[in-house]
Amino acid sequence: MATRSVCLFLQRRFASAAAAVRPPPSEVRSQRNAIFSREQARQRALYPRIEKIEVSMQGPGLDGTLLIMNKGMSTPLSCARHLTEHHVNNSVLALVDGELWPLHQPLTHSCTLTLLTFKDSDPTLVNQAYWRSCSALLGQVLETAFKDEYTVDLLNTPEVPVTSGAFCCDVVLDSQLDSWTASEEALRSLTRGAQQLIHQDLAWEPLEVMPSVALEVFSHSSVKQEEVEQKAADSPKGTVLLYRCGDHVLLSGGPLVARTGLCSQYEVTALHSLGEGPRGLHRRAQGLSLPLQLQAHHTVWRKLRKRAEKLIEVPRSEATPTSPADSTQPTTTQ
């Protein structure tokens, strides 16, 4: 444990030096993509020979169905494609031997598999993943919404329950934008950006990596470097979970749904100021969404939207962690 802590410290010091000189956002995205693709290819190469595994399907009408799939290559989505178009279009996540499993994550052993949808009798896990995915989508939009001369730092996204009425994404914008407030037109522009990603039906590709890889991915973001260390420390395996959506690579605190096209009604509702934090003016972007299989009448949507405009309060334990060097700085006001 001590050795791993020392290694993480040294990796962070080198990454912090890289973060001091930050290239344009497009170059940062390209670099993150390249590292993600390299690590993805390395992991896939761990299975040079095709080995077969048995996947026993569970669920309505599927009990007793046995699929012969490829170890380290086939995913729960691959299994759904051996069933019906309904399973392909409606599956959101999977349970592999009872463990929550992203739809695009390769299967590594013979297992039981249950495909999860929004219309299951108990959709709690799916709803949580959907809310988390909507926050990830909002962060992706925020990173690309401003001109290249303005920096955008996504903070550790707080986990909020669906019952809170809105998903959220905490962010620090360039100090040149401290006096800027989001107008209704600006919120509509952010909404349009999210809807474009939804229409592209992009996959959220998962990749479990060692902290050293994640630190390299986020070498130009001291905020994400600290988040990598925290998530690695909290993980029993000492790994962190990355996702890629289009050209956007992100850290995630849990599984995301299969693709952006599962979102339907989606609207960015507010951008609140949280006050000065360790890295500048902290803001909380919020939004509201319903999945493709669940629609709301426009009168109901208006009421839900009104609620989603109100600031979501997050317990201090869920706020962005501060480093020891930041301990004398003012904390976020909530």
Protein backbone atom coordinates (compact mmCIF):
# COMPACT_ATOMS: atom_id res chain seq x y z
CA MET A 1 0.00 0.00 0.00
CA ALA A 2 2.86 2.38 0.90
CA THR A 3 4.63 1.61 -2.37
CA ARG A 4 1.48 2.34 -4.37
CA SER A 5 1.01 5.65 -2.52
CA VAL A 6 4.58 6.71 -3.34
CA CYS A 7 4.12 5.76 -7.00
CA LEU A 8 0.89 7.73 -7.20
CA PHE A 9 2.59 10.73 -5.59
CA LEU A 10 5.44 10.69 -8.11
CA GLN A 11 3.08 10.18 -11.04
CA ARG A 12 0.99 13.10 -9.89
CA ARG A 13 4.06 15.35 -9.53
CA PHE A 14 5.08 14.64 -13.13
CA ALA A 15 1.48 15.05 -14.31
CA SER A 16 1.20 18.35 -12.45
CA ALA A 17 4.22 19.65 -14.33
CA ALA A 18 2.45 18.79 -17.59
CA ALA A 19 -0.71 20.50 -16.38
CA ALA A 20 1.18 23.77 -15.92
CA VAL A 21 1.37 24.20 -19.69
CA ARG A 22 -2.06 23.48 -21.09
CA PRO A 23 -2.48 23.05 -24.86
CA PRO A 24 -5.70 23.97 -26.70
CA PRO A 25 -8.80 21.90 -25.75
CA SER A 26 -8.88 20.15 -29.13
CA GLU A 27 -5.30 18.95 -28.62
CA VAL A 28 -6.12 17.79 -25.08
CA ARG A 29 -9.09 15.77 -26.37
CA SER A 30 -6.94 14.23 -29.10
CA GLN A 31 -4.28 13.21 -26.59
CA ARG A 32 -6.82 11.68 -24.21
CA ASN A 33 -8.37 9.75 -27.09
CA ALA A 34 -4.99 8.40 -28.19
CA ILE A 35 -4.10 7.16 -24.71
CA PHE A 36 -7.57 5.61 -24.29
CA SER A 37 -7.28 3.80 -27.64
CA ARG A 38 -3.76 2.59 -26.84
CA GLU A 39 -4.82 1.13 -23.48
CA GLN A 40 -7.98 -0.37 -24.99
CA ALA A 41 -5.88 -2.11 -27.66
CA ARG A 42 -3.42 -3.36 -25.03
CA GLN A 43 -6.21 -4.90 -22.96
CA ARG A 44 -7.78 -6.55 -25.99
CA ALA A 45 -4.40 -8.04 -26.92
CA LEU A 46 -4.45 -9.93 -23.63
CA TYR A 47 -6.75 -12.41 -25.38
CA PRO A 48 -4.74 -13.38 -28.51
CA ARG A 49 -6.59 -16.66 -29.01
CA ILE A 50 -10.34 -17.05 -29.28
CA GLU A 51 -11.60 -18.92 -26.23
CA LYS A 52 -15.23 -19.80 -25.78
CA ILE A 53 -17.32 -19.07 -22.68
CA GLU A 54 -20.88 -20.05 -21.79
CA VAL A 55 -23.34 -17.27 -21.04
CA SER A 56 -26.56 -18.38 -19.37
CA MET A 57 -29.27 -15.78 -20.01
CA GLN A 58 -31.76 -14.84 -17.32
CA GLY A 59 -34.89 -12.72 -17.53
CA PRO A 60 -38.45 -12.87 -18.89
CA GLY A 61 -38.62 -15.43 -21.68
CA LEU A 62 -34.86 -16.05 -21.58
CA ASP A 63 -34.38 -18.54 -18.74
CA GLY A 64 -32.61 -21.60 -20.10
CA THR A 65 -31.10 -19.74 -23.07
CA LEU A 66 -27.40 -20.58 -23.38
CA LEU A 67 -25.07 -18.56 -25.61
CA ILE A 68 -21.54 -19.54 -26.61
CA MET A 69 -19.51 -16.33 -26.77
CA ASN A 70 -15.86 -15.23 -27.11
CA LYS A 71 -13.86 -14.58 -23.93
CA GLY A 72 -12.52 -11.03 -23.64
CA MET A 73 -14.26 -9.99 -26.87
CA SER A 74 -18.02 -10.52 -26.54
CA THR A 75 -20.00 -8.00 -24.51
CA PRO A 76 -23.53 -8.07 -23.05
CA LEU A 77 -24.56 -6.11 -26.16
CA SER A 78 -23.10 -8.90 -28.32
CA CYS A 79 -25.33 -11.31 -26.41
CA ALA A 80 -28.38 -9.07 -26.95
CA ARG A 81 -27.71 -9.18 -30.70
CA HIS A 82 -28.08 -12.95 -30.59
CA LEU A 83 -31.59 -12.49 -29.18
CA THR A 84 -34.00 -9.94 -30.68
CA GLU A 85 -33.99 -6.34 -31.87
CA HIS A 86 -36.07 -5.49 -28.81
CA HIS A 87 -33.23 -6.60 -26.52
CA VAL A 88 -30.69 -4.61 -28.53
CA ASN A 89 -32.74 -1.39 -28.50
CA ASN A 90 -34.00 -1.51 -24.92
CA SER A 91 -31.11 -2.93 -22.91
CA VAL A 92 -29.41 -0.32 -20.76
CA LEU A 93 -27.08 -2.25 -18.44
CA ALA A 94 -26.45 -5.86 -17.49
CA LEU A 95 -26.01 -7.99 -14.41
CA VAL A 96 -23.14 -10.47 -14.75
CA ASP A 97 -23.29 -13.03 -11.94
CA GLY A 98 -25.24 -10.40 -10.02
CA GLU A 99 -22.65 -7.65 -10.60
CA LEU A 100 -23.66 -4.46 -12.43
CA TRP A 101 -21.90 -4.52 -15.81
CA PRO A 102 -21.70 -1.93 -18.64
CA LEU A 103 -23.25 -3.13 -21.88
CA HIS A 104 -20.02 -2.53 -23.86
CA GLN A 105 -17.63 -4.16 -21.37
CA PRO A 106 -16.18 -7.50 -22.56
CA LEU A 107 -17.08 -10.67 -20.66
CA THR A 108 -14.08 -12.48 -19.21
CA HIS A 109 -15.56 -15.75 -17.93
CA SER A 110 -18.56 -18.06 -18.19
CA CYS A 111 -21.42 -16.39 -16.35
CA THR A 112 -25.10 -15.72 -15.91
CA LEU A 113 -26.34 -12.57 -17.66
CA THR A 114 -29.42 -10.45 -17.13
CA LEU A 115 -30.17 -7.51 -19.42
CA LEU A 116 -31.67 -4.52 -17.60
CA THR A 117 -34.17 -2.00 -19.00
CA PHE A 118 -35.98 1.10 -17.81
CA LYS A 119 -39.23 -0.86 -17.56
CA ASP A 120 -38.01 -3.56 -15.17
CA SER A 121 -40.05 -4.12 -12.01
CA ASP A 122 -37.21 -2.55 -9.99
CA PRO A 123 -35.35 -0.02 -12.18
CA THR A 124 -33.40 1.58 -9.28
CA LEU A 125 -29.92 0.66 -10.55
CA VAL A 126 -30.81 1.60 -14.12
CA ASN A 127 -32.22 4.97 -13.03
CA GLN A 128 -29.08 5.76 -11.03
CA ALA A 129 -26.89 4.92 -14.03
CA TYR A 130 -29.12 7.04 -16.27
CA TRP A 131 -28.84 10.08 -13.99
CA ARG A 132 -25.08 9.60 -13.85
CA SER A 133 -24.99 9.37 -17.66
CA CYS A 134 -27.00 12.57 -18.05
CA SER A 135 -24.46 14.34 -15.83
CA ALA A 136 -21.64 12.97 -17.97
CA LEU A 137 -23.38 14.25 -21.09
CA LEU A 138 -23.76 17.69 -19.51
CA GLY A 139 -20.05 17.76 -18.66
CA GLN A 140 -19.17 16.84 -22.24
CA VAL A 141 -21.29 19.72 -23.54
CA LEU A 142 -19.75 22.21 -21.10
CA GLU A 143 -16.21 21.26 -22.12
CA THR A 144 -16.86 22.15 -25.76
CA ALA A 145 -19.35 25.02 -25.37
CA PHE A 146 -16.82 27.84 -25.00
CA LYS A 147 -14.14 29.24 -27.25
CA ASP A 148 -10.69 27.67 -27.13
CA GLU A 149 -9.20 30.62 -25.25
CA TYR A 150 -11.39 29.84 -22.22
CA THR A 151 -10.47 26.94 -19.94
CA VAL A 152 -13.18 24.68 -18.53
CA ASP A 153 -12.38 22.40 -15.59
CA LEU A 154 -14.96 19.75 -14.73
CA LEU A 155 -14.97 19.01 -11.01
CA ASN A 156 -15.83 15.74 -9.29
CA THR A 157 -19.46 15.20 -10.31
CA PRO A 158 -21.61 14.76 -7.19
CA GLU A 159 -23.84 11.70 -7.09
CA VAL A 160 -27.41 12.88 -6.54
CA PRO A 161 -30.52 10.67 -6.41
CA VAL A 162 -33.15 10.81 -9.14
CA THR A 163 -35.59 12.07 -6.50
CA SER A 164 -33.57 15.29 -6.20
CA GLY A 165 -35.33 16.49 -9.35
CA ALA A 166 -32.24 17.29 -11.45
CA PHE A 167 -28.86 15.87 -12.36
CA CYS A 168 -25.86 18.17 -12.02
CA CYS A 169 -22.27 18.79 -13.01
CA ASP A 170 -19.88 21.04 -11.09
CA VAL A 171 -17.48 23.15 -13.11
CA VAL A 172 -14.95 25.97 -12.90
CA LEU A 173 -14.91 28.24 -15.93
CA ASP A 174 -12.05 30.49 -16.99
CA SER A 175 -11.59 33.44 -14.60
CA GLN A 176 -12.34 35.76 -17.54
CA LEU A 177 -15.93 34.46 -17.31
CA ASP A 178 -16.41 35.11 -13.58
CA SER A 179 -18.84 37.95 -14.27
CA TRP A 180 -20.77 35.95 -16.88
CA THR A 181 -24.19 34.56 -16.03
CA ALA A 182 -26.05 32.05 -18.18
CA SER A 183 -29.03 33.56 -19.97
CA GLU A 184 -32.02 31.55 -21.15
CA GLU A 185 -30.50 31.61 -24.64
CA ALA A 186 -27.21 30.24 -23.27
CA LEU A 187 -29.07 27.41 -21.54
CA ARG A 188 -30.92 26.66 -24.77
CA SER A 189 -27.58 26.56 -26.59
CA LEU A 190 -26.25 24.02 -24.08
CA THR A 191 -29.43 22.00 -24.51
CA ARG A 192 -28.97 21.98 -28.29
CA GLY A 193 -25.41 20.73 -27.81
CA ALA A 194 -26.65 17.83 -25.69
CA GLN A 195 -29.41 16.99 -28.15
CA GLN A 196 -26.87 16.80 -30.98
CA LEU A 197 -24.91 14.19 -29.02
CA ILE A 198 -28.14 12.31 -28.31
CA HIS A 199 -29.07 12.25 -32.00
CA GLN A 200 -25.63 10.83 -32.83
CA ASP A 201 -26.47 7.83 -30.59
CA LEU A 202 -22.87 7.58 -29.35
CA ALA A 203 -21.73 4.64 -27.26
CA TRP A 204 -20.33 5.14 -23.77
CA GLU A 205 -17.28 2.88 -23.99
CA PRO A 206 -16.02 1.68 -20.58
CA LEU A 207 -12.37 1.00 -19.79
CA GLU A 208 -11.06 -0.04 -16.37
CA VAL A 209 -7.46 1.16 -16.00
CA MET A 210 -4.65 1.48 -13.49
CA PRO A 211 -4.18 4.94 -11.91
CA SER A 212 -0.94 5.51 -13.87
CA VAL A 213 -2.90 5.32 -17.15
CA ALA A 214 -5.64 7.62 -15.87
CA LEU A 215 -3.05 10.15 -14.66
CA GLU A 216 -1.52 10.15 -18.13
CA VAL A 217 -4.96 10.65 -19.71
CA PHE A 218 -5.62 13.66 -17.47
CA SER A 219 -2.06 14.98 -17.39
CA HIS A 220 -3.27 18.51 -18.18
CA SER A 221 -5.88 18.66 -15.39
CA SER A 222 -4.80 18.86 -11.76
CA VAL A 223 -8.49 18.57 -10.78
CA LYS A 224 -8.82 15.18 -12.47
CA GLN A 225 -5.44 14.01 -11.16
CA GLU A 226 -6.72 14.40 -7.61
CA GLU A 227 -9.97 12.67 -8.54
CA VAL A 228 -8.01 9.75 -10.03
CA GLU A 229 -6.10 9.31 -6.77
CA GLN A 230 -9.28 9.45 -4.71
CA LYS A 231 -11.15 6.92 -6.84
CA ALA A 232 -8.15 4.59 -6.92
CA ALA A 233 -7.88 4.75 -3.12
CA ASP A 234 -11.60 3.93 -2.79
CA SER A 235 -11.47 1.04 -5.27
CA PRO A 236 -10.90 -2.49 -3.85
CA LYS A 237 -8.87 -3.31 -6.98
CA GLY A 238 -7.02 0.02 -7.00
CA THR A 239 -8.32 0.81 -10.49
CA VAL A 240 -10.42 3.62 -11.94
CA LEU A 241 -13.20 3.55 -14.52
CA LEU A 242 -12.88 5.64 -17.68
CA TYR A 243 -15.51 6.14 -20.36
CA ARG A 244 -15.26 7.51 -23.88
CA CYS A 245 -18.15 9.13 -25.71
CA GLY A 246 -17.21 10.36 -29.17
CA ASP A 247 -13.97 12.27 -28.57
CA HIS A 248 -14.68 12.94 -24.88
CA VAL A 249 -12.92 10.86 -22.19
CA LEU A 250 -14.19 11.07 -18.62
CA LEU A 251 -13.85 9.58 -15.18
CA SER A 252 -16.92 7.91 -13.76
CA GLY A 253 -17.94 6.94 -10.26
CA GLY A 254 -20.06 4.07 -11.57
CA PRO A 255 -21.56 2.43 -14.66
CA LEU A 256 -23.11 4.54 -17.41
CA VAL A 257 -25.91 3.47 -19.74
CA ALA A 258 -25.08 2.01 -23.14
CA ARG A 259 -25.48 5.02 -25.43
CA THR A 260 -26.56 8.64 -25.67
CA GLY A 261 -29.53 7.68 -27.85
CA LEU A 262 -31.24 6.22 -24.78
CA CYS A 263 -31.85 9.81 -23.66
CA SER A 264 -34.93 11.50 -25.05
CA GLN A 265 -36.33 14.61 -23.41
CA TYR A 266 -33.22 16.46 -22.23
CA GLU A 267 -32.89 20.06 -21.12
CA VAL A 268 -30.22 22.11 -19.34
CA THR A 269 -32.19 24.06 -16.75
CA ALA A 270 -29.77 26.16 -14.68
CA LEU A 271 -26.17 27.22 -14.04
CA HIS A 272 -25.82 28.26 -10.41
CA SER A 273 -22.90 30.01 -8.75
CA LEU A 274 -21.65 28.17 -5.65
CA GLY A 275 -19.18 30.84 -4.61
CA GLU A 276 -15.40 30.87 -4.50
CA GLY A 277 -13.68 27.52 -4.11
CA PRO A 278 -10.06 26.33 -4.11
CA ARG A 279 -9.80 26.71 -7.89
CA GLY A 280 -11.93 29.76 -8.52
CA LEU A 281 -15.63 30.35 -8.93
CA HIS A 282 -17.44 27.03 -8.60
CA ARG A 283 -20.65 26.61 -10.57
CA ARG A 284 -23.26 23.88 -10.69
CA ALA A 285 -24.90 23.14 -14.03
CA GLN A 286 -28.20 21.28 -13.76
CA GLY A 287 -30.55 19.52 -16.13
CA LEU A 288 -33.56 17.29 -16.54
CA SER A 289 -34.09 14.29 -18.76
CA LEU A 290 -36.30 11.27 -19.38
CA PRO A 291 -35.21 8.11 -21.21
CA LEU A 292 -36.48 7.09 -24.60
CA GLN A 293 -38.95 4.56 -23.17
CA LEU A 294 -40.53 7.00 -20.72
CA GLN A 295 -42.15 10.18 -22.00
CA ALA A 296 -43.92 12.99 -20.13
CA HIS A 297 -46.75 15.24 -21.32
CA HIS A 298 -45.63 18.82 -21.89
CA THR A 299 -47.64 20.09 -18.90
CA VAL A 300 -45.94 17.57 -16.61
CA TRP A 301 -42.56 18.38 -18.16
CA ARG A 302 -43.01 22.10 -17.39
CA LYS A 303 -43.60 21.31 -13.72
CA LEU A 304 -40.60 19.00 -13.58
CA ARG A 305 -38.47 21.62 -15.32
CA LYS A 306 -39.46 24.31 -12.82
CA ARG A 307 -38.30 22.05 -10.02
CA ALA A 308 -35.05 21.26 -11.85
CA GLU A 309 -34.16 24.97 -11.94
CA LYS A 310 -33.71 25.09 -8.15
CA LEU A 311 -30.21 24.62 -6.78
CA ILE A 312 -29.49 21.00 -5.87
CA GLU A 313 -27.91 20.93 -2.43
CA VAL A 314 -25.16 18.35 -2.08
CA PRO A 315 -23.83 17.18 1.33
CA ARG A 316 -20.34 18.43 2.01
CA SER A 317 -18.98 14.86 1.95
CA GLU A 318 -20.05 14.68 -1.70
CA ALA A 319 -18.37 17.95 -2.67
CA THR A 320 -15.11 18.11 -4.60
CA PRO A 321 -12.27 17.01 -2.30
CA THR A 322 -9.54 19.52 -1.63
CA SER A 323 -5.85 18.74 -1.46
CA PRO A 324 -3.78 19.57 1.65
CA ALA A 325 -2.28 22.50 -0.24
CA ASP A 326 -5.77 23.92 -0.67
CA SER A 327 -6.77 23.53 2.98
CA THR A 328 -6.32 27.24 3.73
CA GLN A 329 -8.42 28.31 0.77
CA PRO A 330 -12.13 29.17 1.08
CA THR A 331 -14.46 26.22 0.55
CA THR A 332 -17.52 26.04 -1.66
CA THR A 333 -20.57 27.74 -0.21
CA GLN A 334 -23.70 25.64 -0.48
